[in-house]
PDB file of N, CA and C in Angstrom:
ATOM      1  N   UNK A   1      -4.508  65.359   3.805  1.00  0.00           N
ATOM      2  CA  UNK A   1      -4.362  64.397   5.202  1.00  0.00           C
ATOM      3  C   UNK A   1      -5.704  63.782   5.261  1.00  0.00           C
ATOM      4  N   UNK A   2      -5.761  62.456   5.419  1.00  0.00           N
ATOM      5  CA  UNK A   2      -6.902  61.583   5.543  1.00  0.00           C
ATOM      6  C   UNK A   2      -7.474  61.915   7.146  1.00  0.00           C
ATOM      7  N   UNK A   3      -8.778  61.692   7.164  1.00  0.00           N
ATOM      8  CA  UNK A   3      -9.257  61.522   8.547  1.00  0.00           C
ATOM      9  C   UNK A   3      -9.116  60.299   9.178  1.00  0.00           C
ATOM     10  N   UNK A   4      -9.252  60.192  10.429  1.00  0.00           N
ATOM     11  CA  UNK A   4      -9.224  59.072  11.082  1.00  0.00           C
ATOM     12  C   UNK A   4     -10.079  58.159  10.609  1.00  0.00           C
ATOM     13  N   UNK A   5     -11.310  58.429  10.332  1.00  0.00           N
ATOM     14  CA  UNK A   5     -12.396  57.474  10.153  1.00  0.00           C
ATOM     15  C   UNK A   5     -12.223  56.849   8.782  1.00  0.00           C
ATOM     16  N   UNK A   6     -11.648  57.659   7.769  1.00  0.00           N
ATOM     17  CA  UNK A   6     -11.259  57.221   6.503  1.00  0.00           C
ATOM     18  C   UNK A   6     -10.275  56.187   6.576  1.00  0.00           C
ATOM     19  N   UNK A   7      -9.270  56.526   7.246  1.00  0.00           N
ATOM     20  CA  UNK A   7      -8.122  55.539   7.647  1.00  0.00           C
ATOM     21  C   UNK A   7      -8.648  53.902   8.192  1.00  0.00           C
ATOM     22  N   UNK A   8      -9.651  54.200   9.216  1.00  0.00           N
ATOM     23  CA  UNK A   8     -10.177  53.169  10.002  1.00  0.00           C
ATOM     24  C   UNK A   8     -11.015  52.260   8.909  1.00  0.00           C
ATOM     25  N   UNK A   9     -11.746  52.964   7.986  1.00  0.00           N
ATOM     26  CA  UNK A   9     -12.512  52.564   6.889  1.00  0.00           C
ATOM     27  C   UNK A   9     -11.666  51.489   5.943  1.00  0.00           C
ATOM     28  N   UNK A  10     -10.678  52.207   5.449  1.00  0.00           N
ATOM     29  CA  UNK A  10      -9.834  51.691   4.640  1.00  0.00           C
ATOM     30  C   UNK A  10      -9.101  50.490   5.393  1.00  0.00           C
ATOM     31  N   UNK A  11      -8.875  50.503   6.493  1.00  0.00           N
ATOM     32  CA  UNK A  11      -8.094  49.371   7.364  1.00  0.00           C
ATOM     33  C   UNK A  11      -9.262  48.121   7.510  1.00  0.00           C
ATOM     34  N   UNK A  12     -10.505  48.491   7.750  1.00  0.00           N
ATOM     35  CA  UNK A  12     -11.681  47.327   7.858  1.00  0.00           C
ATOM     36  C   UNK A  12     -11.901  46.876   6.523  1.00  0.00           C
ATOM     37  N   UNK A  13     -11.791  47.808   5.391  1.00  0.00           N
ATOM     38  CA  UNK A  13     -12.084  47.189   4.236  1.00  0.00           C
ATOM     39  C   UNK A  13     -10.954  46.202   3.903  1.00  0.00           C
ATOM     40  N   UNK A  14      -9.727  46.506   4.088  1.00  0.00           N
ATOM     41  CA  UNK A  14      -8.552  45.834   3.939  1.00  0.00           C
ATOM     42  C   UNK A  14      -8.513  44.501   4.650  1.00  0.00           C
ATOM     43  N   UNK A  15      -9.048  44.540   6.116  1.00  0.00           N
ATOM     44  CA  UNK A  15      -9.356  43.132   6.714  1.00  0.00           C
ATOM     45  C   UNK A  15     -10.432  42.423   6.059  1.00  0.00           C
ATOM     46  N   UNK A  16     -11.552  42.899   5.643  1.00  0.00           N
ATOM     47  CA  UNK A  16     -12.547  42.138   4.986  1.00  0.00           C
ATOM     48  C   UNK A  16     -12.091  41.490   3.746  1.00  0.00           C
ATOM     49  N   UNK A  17     -11.382  42.276   3.061  1.00  0.00           N
ATOM     50  CA  UNK A  17     -10.768  41.794   1.722  1.00  0.00           C
ATOM     51  C   UNK A  17      -9.805  40.546   2.019  1.00  0.00           C
ATOM     52  N   UNK A  18      -8.883  40.504   3.008  1.00  0.00           N
ATOM     53  CA  UNK A  18      -8.052  39.467   3.384  1.00  0.00           C
ATOM     54  C   UNK A  18      -8.860  38.330   3.670  1.00  0.00           C
ATOM     55  N   UNK A  19      -9.887  38.684   4.532  1.00  0.00           N
ATOM     56  CA  UNK A  19     -10.633  37.355   5.010  1.00  0.00           C
ATOM     57  C   UNK A  19     -11.206  36.844   3.699  1.00  0.00           C
ATOM     58  N   UNK A  20     -11.933  37.393   2.956  1.00  0.00           N
ATOM     59  CA  UNK A  20     -12.613  37.099   1.719  1.00  0.00           C
ATOM     60  C   UNK A  20     -11.642  36.274   0.898  1.00  0.00           C
ATOM     61  N   UNK A  21     -10.429  36.595   0.762  1.00  0.00           N
ATOM     62  CA  UNK A  21      -9.408  35.998   0.018  1.00  0.00           C
ATOM     63  C   UNK A  21      -9.000  34.677   0.606  1.00  0.00           C
ATOM     64  N   UNK A  22      -8.978  34.770   1.830  1.00  0.00           N
ATOM     65  CA  UNK A  22      -8.638  33.741   2.754  1.00  0.00           C
ATOM     66  C   UNK A  22      -9.689  32.636   2.690  1.00  0.00           C
ATOM     67  N   UNK A  23     -10.956  33.072   2.844  1.00  0.00           N
ATOM     68  CA  UNK A  23     -12.132  31.939   2.678  1.00  0.00           C
ATOM     69  C   UNK A  23     -12.125  31.380   1.128  1.00  0.00           C
ATOM     70  N   UNK A  24     -11.966  32.282   0.216  1.00  0.00           N
ATOM     71  CA  UNK A  24     -11.790  31.638  -1.207  1.00  0.00           C
ATOM     72  C   UNK A  24     -10.744  30.564  -1.359  1.00  0.00           C
ATOM     73  N   UNK A  25      -9.493  30.841  -0.700  1.00  0.00           N
ATOM     74  CA  UNK A  25      -8.343  29.884  -0.617  1.00  0.00           C
ATOM     75  C   UNK A  25      -8.776  28.672  -0.137  1.00  0.00           C
ATOM     76  N   UNK A  26      -9.462  28.727   1.083  1.00  0.00           N
ATOM     77  CA  UNK A  26      -9.981  27.618   1.896  1.00  0.00           C
ATOM     78  C   UNK A  26     -10.891  26.757   1.059  1.00  0.00           C
ATOM     79  N   UNK A  27     -11.882  27.307   0.520  1.00  0.00           N
ATOM     80  CA  UNK A  27     -12.741  26.708  -0.432  1.00  0.00           C
ATOM     81  C   UNK A  27     -11.932  25.905  -1.754  1.00  0.00           C
ATOM     82  N   UNK A  28     -11.014  26.732  -2.141  1.00  0.00           N
ATOM     83  CA  UNK A  28     -10.175  26.148  -3.356  1.00  0.00           C
ATOM     84  C   UNK A  28      -9.539  24.845  -2.855  1.00  0.00           C
ATOM     85  N   UNK A  29      -8.842  24.823  -1.711  1.00  0.00           N
ATOM     86  CA  UNK A  29      -8.007  23.736  -1.081  1.00  0.00           C
ATOM     87  C   UNK A  29      -8.908  22.781  -0.784  1.00  0.00           C
ATOM     88  N   UNK A  30     -10.336  22.953  -0.052  1.00  0.00           N
ATOM     89  CA  UNK A  30     -11.139  21.957   0.160  1.00  0.00           C
ATOM     90  C   UNK A  30     -11.727  21.136  -1.053  1.00  0.00           C
ATOM     91  N   UNK A  31     -11.840  21.920  -2.079  1.00  0.00           N
ATOM     92  CA  UNK A  31     -12.165  21.216  -3.430  1.00  0.00           C
ATOM     93  C   UNK A  31     -11.050  20.350  -4.038  1.00  0.00           C
ATOM     94  N   UNK A  32      -9.726  20.938  -3.798  1.00  0.00           N
ATOM     95  CA  UNK A  32      -8.670  20.178  -4.514  1.00  0.00           C
ATOM     96  C   UNK A  32      -8.490  18.806  -3.412  1.00  0.00           C
ATOM     97  N   UNK A  33      -8.612  19.076  -2.001  1.00  0.00           N
ATOM     98  CA  UNK A  33      -8.527  17.686  -1.372  1.00  0.00           C
ATOM     99  C   UNK A  33      -9.548  16.936  -1.690  1.00  0.00           C
ATOM    100  N   UNK A  34     -10.715  17.163  -1.990  1.00  0.00           N
ATOM    101  CA  UNK A  34     -11.926  16.328  -2.342  1.00  0.00           C
ATOM    102  C   UNK A  34     -11.610  15.537  -3.781  1.00  0.00           C
ATOM    103  N   UNK A  35     -11.012  16.444  -4.615  1.00  0.00           N
ATOM    104  CA  UNK A  35     -10.567  15.560  -5.924  1.00  0.00           C
ATOM    105  C   UNK A  35      -9.373  14.827  -5.781  1.00  0.00           C
ATOM    106  N   UNK A  36      -8.448  14.925  -4.867  1.00  0.00           N
ATOM    107  CA  UNK A  36      -7.142  14.007  -4.479  1.00  0.00           C
ATOM    108  C   UNK A  36      -7.913  12.646  -3.627  1.00  0.00           C
ATOM    109  N   UNK A  37      -8.532  12.971  -2.750  1.00  0.00           N
ATOM    110  CA  UNK A  37      -9.289  11.879  -2.213  1.00  0.00           C
ATOM    111  C   UNK A  37      -9.831  11.032  -3.033  1.00  0.00           C
ATOM    112  N   UNK A  38     -10.778  11.486  -3.985  1.00  0.00           N
ATOM    113  CA  UNK A  38     -11.410  10.742  -4.898  1.00  0.00           C
ATOM    114  C   UNK A  38     -10.631   9.748  -5.683  1.00  0.00           C
ATOM    115  N   UNK A  39      -9.364  10.557  -6.154  1.00  0.00           N
ATOM    116  CA  UNK A  39      -8.434   9.933  -6.861  1.00  0.00           C
ATOM    117  C   UNK A  39      -7.905   8.589  -6.010  1.00  0.00           C
ATOM    118  N   UNK A  40      -7.525   8.906  -4.914  1.00  0.00           N
ATOM    119  CA  UNK A  40      -6.932   7.962  -4.040  1.00  0.00           C
ATOM    120  C   UNK A  40      -7.921   6.661  -3.771  1.00  0.00           C
ATOM    121  N   UNK A  41      -9.247   6.984  -3.604  1.00  0.00           N
ATOM    122  CA  UNK A  41     -10.215   6.017  -3.526  1.00  0.00           C
ATOM    123  C   UNK A  41     -10.231   5.073  -4.796  1.00  0.00           C
ATOM    124  N   UNK A  42      -9.946   5.754  -5.811  1.00  0.00           N
ATOM    125  CA  UNK A  42     -10.031   4.830  -7.180  1.00  0.00           C
ATOM    126  C   UNK A  42      -8.704   3.700  -7.226  1.00  0.00           C
ATOM    127  N   UNK A  43      -7.734   4.131  -6.443  1.00  0.00           N
ATOM    128  CA  UNK A  43      -6.642   3.067  -6.376  1.00  0.00           C
ATOM    129  C   UNK A  43      -6.491   2.382  -5.113  1.00  0.00           C
ATOM    130  N   UNK A  44      -7.298   2.713  -4.066  1.00  0.00           N
ATOM    131  CA  UNK A  44      -7.329   2.043  -3.004  1.00  0.00           C
ATOM    132  C   UNK A  44      -7.406   0.482  -2.934  1.00  0.00           C
ATOM    133  N   UNK A  45      -8.056  -0.099  -3.931  1.00  0.00           N
ATOM    134  CA  UNK A  45      -8.152  -1.546  -3.937  1.00  0.00           C
ATOM    135  C   UNK A  45      -6.969  -2.261  -4.505  1.00  0.00           C
ATOM    136  N   UNK A  46      -5.854  -1.503  -5.059  1.00  0.00           N
ATOM    137  CA  UNK A  46      -4.741  -2.006  -5.685  1.00  0.00           C
ATOM    138  C   UNK A  46      -3.976  -2.739  -4.429  1.00  0.00           C
ATOM    139  N   UNK A  47      -3.344  -4.139  -4.893  1.00  0.00           N
ATOM    140  CA  UNK A  47      -2.617  -4.745  -3.826  1.00  0.00           C
ATOM    141  C   UNK A  47      -1.465  -3.870  -3.249  1.00  0.00           C
ATOM    142  N   UNK A  48      -1.049  -2.882  -4.173  1.00  0.00           N
ATOM    143  CA  UNK A  48       0.262  -2.127  -3.556  1.00  0.00           C
ATOM    144  C   UNK A  48       0.031  -0.877  -3.124  1.00  0.00           C
ATOM    145  N   UNK A  49      -1.395  -0.496  -2.925  1.00  0.00           N
ATOM    146  CA  UNK A  49      -1.757   0.744  -2.506  1.00  0.00           C
ATOM    147  C   UNK A  49      -1.061   1.225  -1.079  1.00  0.00           C
ATOM    148  N   UNK A  50      -0.669   0.173  -0.393  1.00  0.00           N
ATOM    149  CA  UNK A  50      -0.079   0.456   1.037  1.00  0.00           C
ATOM    150  C   UNK A  50       1.288   1.367   0.650  1.00  0.00           C
ATOM    151  N   UNK A  51       1.817   1.026  -0.393  1.00  0.00           N
ATOM    152  CA  UNK A  51       3.030   1.655  -0.763  1.00  0.00           C
ATOM    153  C   UNK A  51       2.954   3.353  -0.858  1.00  0.00           C
ATOM    154  N   UNK A  52       2.014   3.679  -1.598  1.00  0.00           N
ATOM    155  CA  UNK A  52       1.423   5.121  -1.520  1.00  0.00           C
ATOM    156  C   UNK A  52       1.387   5.607  -0.170  1.00  0.00           C
ATOM    157  N   UNK A  53       0.617   5.060   0.759  1.00  0.00           N
ATOM    158  CA  UNK A  53       0.424   5.414   1.999  1.00  0.00           C
ATOM    159  C   UNK A  53       1.665   5.521   2.783  1.00  0.00           C
ATOM    160  N   UNK A  54       2.418   4.432   2.759  1.00  0.00           N
ATOM    161  CA  UNK A  54       3.808   4.323   3.665  1.00  0.00           C
ATOM    162  C   UNK A  54       4.757   5.449   3.007  1.00  0.00           C
ATOM    163  N   UNK A  55       4.819   5.531   1.834  1.00  0.00           N
ATOM    164  CA  UNK A  55       5.972   6.430   1.048  1.00  0.00           C
ATOM    165  C   UNK A  55       5.658   7.907   1.281  1.00  0.00           C
ATOM    166  N   UNK A  56       4.383   8.327   1.011  1.00  0.00           N
ATOM    167  CA  UNK A  56       3.950   9.572   0.894  1.00  0.00           C
ATOM    168  C   UNK A  56       3.455  10.303   2.166  1.00  0.00           C
ATOM    169  N   UNK A  57       2.582   9.340   2.856  1.00  0.00           N
ATOM    170  CA  UNK A  57       1.992   9.937   4.153  1.00  0.00           C
ATOM    171  C   UNK A  57       2.640   9.626   5.364  1.00  0.00           C
ATOM    172  N   UNK A  58       3.502   8.463   5.386  1.00  0.00           N
ATOM    173  CA  UNK A  58       4.189   8.063   6.521  1.00  0.00           C
ATOM    174  C   UNK A  58       5.906   8.376   6.177  1.00  0.00           C
ATOM    175  N   UNK A  59       5.888   8.858   5.273  1.00  0.00           N
ATOM    176  CA  UNK A  59       7.420   9.098   4.881  1.00  0.00           C
ATOM    177  C   UNK A  59       8.676   8.031   5.097  1.00  0.00           C
ATOM    178  N   UNK A  60       8.103   6.782   4.715  1.00  0.00           N
ATOM    179  CA  UNK A  60       8.868   5.527   4.868  1.00  0.00           C
ATOM    180  C   UNK A  60       9.850   5.521   3.493  1.00  0.00           C
ATOM    181  N   UNK A  61      10.912   5.049   3.784  1.00  0.00           N
ATOM    182  CA  UNK A  61      11.682   4.816   2.530  1.00  0.00           C
ATOM    183  C   UNK A  61      11.424   3.698   1.662  1.00  0.00           C
ATOM    184  N   UNK A  62      11.697   3.563   0.458  1.00  0.00           N
ATOM    185  CA  UNK A  62      11.348   2.522  -0.348  1.00  0.00           C
ATOM    186  C   UNK A  62      12.070   1.128   0.211  1.00  0.00           C
ATOM    187  N   UNK A  63      13.291   1.277   0.691  1.00  0.00           N
ATOM    188  CA  UNK A  63      13.889   0.260   1.328  1.00  0.00           C
ATOM    189  C   UNK A  63      12.955  -0.468   2.474  1.00  0.00           C
ATOM    190  N   UNK A  64      12.668   0.616   3.468  1.00  0.00           N
ATOM    191  CA  UNK A  64      11.811   0.052   4.537  1.00  0.00           C
ATOM    192  C   UNK A  64      10.540  -0.595   4.070  1.00  0.00           C
ATOM    193  N   UNK A  65       9.738  -0.078   3.134  1.00  0.00           N
ATOM    194  CA  UNK A  65       8.701  -0.443   2.673  1.00  0.00           C
ATOM    195  C   UNK A  65       8.990  -1.938   2.103  1.00  0.00           C
ATOM    196  N   UNK A  66       9.987  -2.089   1.299  1.00  0.00           N
ATOM    197  CA  UNK A  66      10.284  -3.471   0.840  1.00  0.00           C
ATOM    198  C   UNK A  66      10.571  -4.477   1.653  1.00  0.00           C
ATOM    199  N   UNK A  67      11.267  -4.105   2.971  1.00  0.00           N
ATOM    200  CA  UNK A  67      11.422  -5.036   3.944  1.00  0.00           C
ATOM    201  C   UNK A  67      10.132  -5.491   4.580  1.00  0.00           C
ATOM    202  N   UNK A  68       9.363  -4.547   4.783  1.00  0.00           N
ATOM    203  CA  UNK A  68       7.837  -4.625   5.427  1.00  0.00           C
ATOM    204  C   UNK A  68       7.035  -5.619   4.420  1.00  0.00           C
ATOM    205  N   UNK A  69       7.177  -5.488   3.131  1.00  0.00           N
ATOM    206  CA  UNK A  69       6.466  -6.273   2.126  1.00  0.00           C
ATOM    207  C   UNK A  69       7.042  -7.527   1.790  1.00  0.00           C
ATOM    208  N   UNK A  70       8.336  -7.631   2.380  1.00  0.00           N
ATOM    209  CA  UNK A  70       9.147  -8.823   1.788  1.00  0.00           C
ATOM    210  C   UNK A  70       9.237  -8.962   0.472  1.00  0.00           C
ATOM    211  N   UNK A  71       9.639  -7.856  -0.270  1.00  0.00           N
ATOM    212  CA  UNK A  71       9.799  -7.766  -1.683  1.00  0.00           C
ATOM    213  C   UNK A  71      10.993  -7.041  -2.008  1.00  0.00           C
ATOM    214  N   UNK A  72      11.315  -6.763  -3.353  1.00  0.00           N
ATOM    215  CA  UNK A  72      12.632  -6.061  -3.651  1.00  0.00           C
ATOM    216  C   UNK A  72      12.020  -4.541  -3.593  1.00  0.00           C
ATOM    217  N   UNK A  73      13.344  -3.622  -3.555  1.00  0.00           N
ATOM    218  CA  UNK A  73      12.980  -2.144  -3.705  1.00  0.00           C
ATOM    219  C   UNK A  73      12.641  -1.981  -5.088  1.00  0.00           C
ATOM    220  N   UNK A  74      12.941  -2.681  -6.125  1.00  0.00           N
ATOM    221  CA  UNK A  74      12.555  -2.367  -7.358  1.00  0.00           C
ATOM    222  C   UNK A  74      11.143  -2.624  -7.467  1.00  0.00           C
ATOM    223  N   UNK A  75      10.621  -3.622  -6.937  1.00  0.00           N
ATOM    224  CA  UNK A  75       9.051  -3.789  -6.748  1.00  0.00           C
ATOM    225  C   UNK A  75       8.302  -2.780  -6.287  1.00  0.00           C
ATOM    226  N   UNK A  76       8.904  -2.241  -5.105  1.00  0.00           N
ATOM    227  CA  UNK A  76       8.254  -1.013  -4.502  1.00  0.00           C
ATOM    228  C   UNK A  76       8.305   0.201  -5.527  1.00  0.00           C
ATOM    229  N   UNK A  77       9.408   0.365  -5.990  1.00  0.00           N
ATOM    230  CA  UNK A  77       9.425   1.608  -7.015  1.00  0.00           C
ATOM    231  C   UNK A  77       8.759   1.386  -8.077  1.00  0.00           C
ATOM    232  N   UNK A  78       8.753   0.379  -8.622  1.00  0.00           N
ATOM    233  CA  UNK A  78       7.877  -0.082  -9.877  1.00  0.00           C
ATOM    234  C   UNK A  78       6.243   0.314  -9.529  1.00  0.00           C
ATOM    235  N   UNK A  79       5.949  -0.184  -8.419  1.00  0.00           N
ATOM    236  CA  UNK A  79       4.509  -0.119  -8.330  1.00  0.00           C
ATOM    237  C   UNK A  79       4.085   1.165  -7.857  1.00  0.00           C
ATOM    238  N   UNK A  80       5.102   1.826  -7.148  1.00  0.00           N
ATOM    239  CA  UNK A  80       4.836   3.496  -6.741  1.00  0.00           C
ATOM    240  C   UNK A  80       4.467   4.238  -8.040  1.00  0.00           C
ATOM    241  N   UNK A  81       5.602   4.173  -9.042  1.00  0.00           N
ATOM    242  CA  UNK A  81       5.490   4.753 -10.247  1.00  0.00           C
ATOM    243  C   UNK A  81       4.189   4.578 -10.905  1.00  0.00           C
ATOM    244  N   UNK A  82       3.976   3.207 -11.152  1.00  0.00           N
ATOM    245  CA  UNK A  82       2.641   2.806 -11.838  1.00  0.00           C
ATOM    246  C   UNK A  82       1.222   3.620 -11.050  1.00  0.00           C
ATOM    247  N   UNK A  83       1.374   3.438  -9.682  1.00  0.00           N
ATOM    248  CA  UNK A  83       0.145   4.177  -8.995  1.00  0.00           C
ATOM    249  C   UNK A  83       0.152   5.510  -9.145  1.00  0.00           C
ATOM    250  N   UNK A  84       1.252   6.121  -8.979  1.00  0.00           N
ATOM    251  CA  UNK A  84       1.230   7.581  -9.120  1.00  0.00           C
ATOM    252  C   UNK A  84       0.944   8.062 -10.566  1.00  0.00           C
ATOM    253  N   UNK A  85       1.403   7.318 -11.607  1.00  0.00           N
ATOM    254  CA  UNK A  85       0.984   7.399 -12.837  1.00  0.00           C
ATOM    255  C   UNK A  85      -0.754   7.258 -13.053  1.00  0.00           C
ATOM    256  N   UNK A  86      -1.251   6.342 -12.338  1.00  0.00           N
ATOM    257  CA  UNK A  86      -2.740   6.234 -12.372  1.00  0.00           C
ATOM    258  C   UNK A  86      -3.461   7.524 -11.633  1.00  0.00           C
ATOM    259  N   UNK A  87      -2.861   8.057 -10.556  1.00  0.00           N
ATOM    260  CA  UNK A  87      -3.237   9.241  -9.833  1.00  0.00           C
ATOM    261  C   UNK A  87      -3.072  10.319 -10.658  1.00  0.00           C
ATOM    262  N   UNK A  88      -2.031  10.468 -11.470  1.00  0.00           N
ATOM    263  CA  UNK A  88      -1.920  11.663 -12.427  1.00  0.00           C
ATOM    264  C   UNK A  88      -2.899  11.535 -13.394  1.00  0.00           C
ATOM    265  N   UNK A  89      -3.414  10.269 -13.950  1.00  0.00           N
ATOM    266  CA  UNK A  89      -4.432  10.209 -14.787  1.00  0.00           C
ATOM    267  C   UNK A  89      -5.688  10.781 -14.423  1.00  0.00           C
ATOM    268  N   UNK A  90      -5.977  10.216 -13.110  1.00  0.00           N
ATOM    269  CA  UNK A  90      -7.475  10.683 -12.671  1.00  0.00           C
ATOM    270  C   UNK A  90      -7.383  12.144 -12.188  1.00  0.00           C
ATOM    271  N   UNK A  91      -6.386  12.775 -11.588  1.00  0.00           N
ATOM    272  CA  UNK A  91      -6.142  14.194 -11.376  1.00  0.00           C
ATOM    273  C   UNK A  91      -6.315  15.043 -12.409  1.00  0.00           C
ATOM    274  N   UNK A  92      -5.480  14.633 -13.558  1.00  0.00           N
ATOM    275  CA  UNK A  92      -5.211  15.514 -14.691  1.00  0.00           C
ATOM    276  C   UNK A  92      -5.591  14.847 -16.022  1.00  0.00           C
ATOM    277  N   UNK A  93      -6.764  14.463 -16.203  1.00  0.00           N
ATOM    278  CA  UNK A  93      -7.265  13.650 -17.262  1.00  0.00           C
ATOM    279  C   UNK A  93      -6.857  14.381 -18.773  1.00  0.00           C
ATOM    280  N   UNK A  94      -6.995  15.721 -18.746  1.00  0.00           N
ATOM    281  CA  UNK A  94      -6.803  16.277 -20.093  1.00  0.00           C
ATOM    282  C   UNK A  94      -5.302  16.180 -20.298  1.00  0.00           C
ATOM    283  N   UNK A  95      -4.579  16.510 -19.288  1.00  0.00           N
ATOM    284  CA  UNK A  95      -3.095  16.490 -19.650  1.00  0.00           C
ATOM    285  C   UNK A  95      -2.822  15.043 -20.077  1.00  0.00           C
ATOM    286  N   UNK A  96      -3.211  14.033 -19.296  1.00  0.00           N
ATOM    287  CA  UNK A  96      -2.802  12.812 -19.562  1.00  0.00           C
ATOM    288  C   UNK A  96      -3.155  12.262 -21.037  1.00  0.00           C
ATOM    289  N   UNK A  97      -4.312  12.552 -21.511  1.00  0.00           N
ATOM    290  CA  UNK A  97      -4.768  12.107 -22.895  1.00  0.00           C
ATOM    291  C   UNK A  97      -4.020  12.964 -23.927  1.00  0.00           C
ATOM    292  N   UNK A  98      -3.836  14.110 -23.659  1.00  0.00           N
ATOM    293  CA  UNK A  98      -3.366  15.190 -24.698  1.00  0.00           C
ATOM    294  C   UNK A  98      -1.899  14.717 -24.937  1.00  0.00           C
ATOM    295  N   UNK A  99      -1.061  13.918 -24.101  1.00  0.00           N
ATOM    296  CA  UNK A  99       0.193  13.548 -24.156  1.00  0.00           C
ATOM    297  C   UNK A  99       0.284  12.164 -24.704  1.00  0.00           C
ATOM    298  N   UNK A 100      -1.001  11.577 -25.022  1.00  0.00           N
ATOM    299  CA  UNK A 100      -0.892  10.246 -25.514  1.00  0.00           C
ATOM    300  C   UNK A 100      -1.037   9.100 -24.513  1.00  0.00           C
ATOM    301  N   UNK A 101      -1.380   9.454 -23.137  1.00  0.00           N
ATOM    302  CA  UNK A 101      -1.437   8.550 -22.237  1.00  0.00           C
ATOM    303  C   UNK A 101      -0.426   7.713 -22.002  1.00  0.00           C
TER     304      UNK A 101
END
């Protein structure tokens, strides 16, 4: 039989471990966000960057973006793919170059 203080210590230790794990996750996510923001900054000057913002951040359809930009849906999709490929290159350079770019 465990004493009450042993149980309380285990519970406190468990809570401390949970908090430490959460803090580590928080730091990891913050690091990943910085990397993503850095990659987005690298393509921000592209004429079609607004497609990325509208499609991924504002959840607009390719059709509605095409209407707003007065262009074909194919143009939206082609430039979205191109910019995502650039982002992928900046985010995962080792993978990109090992596959022959």
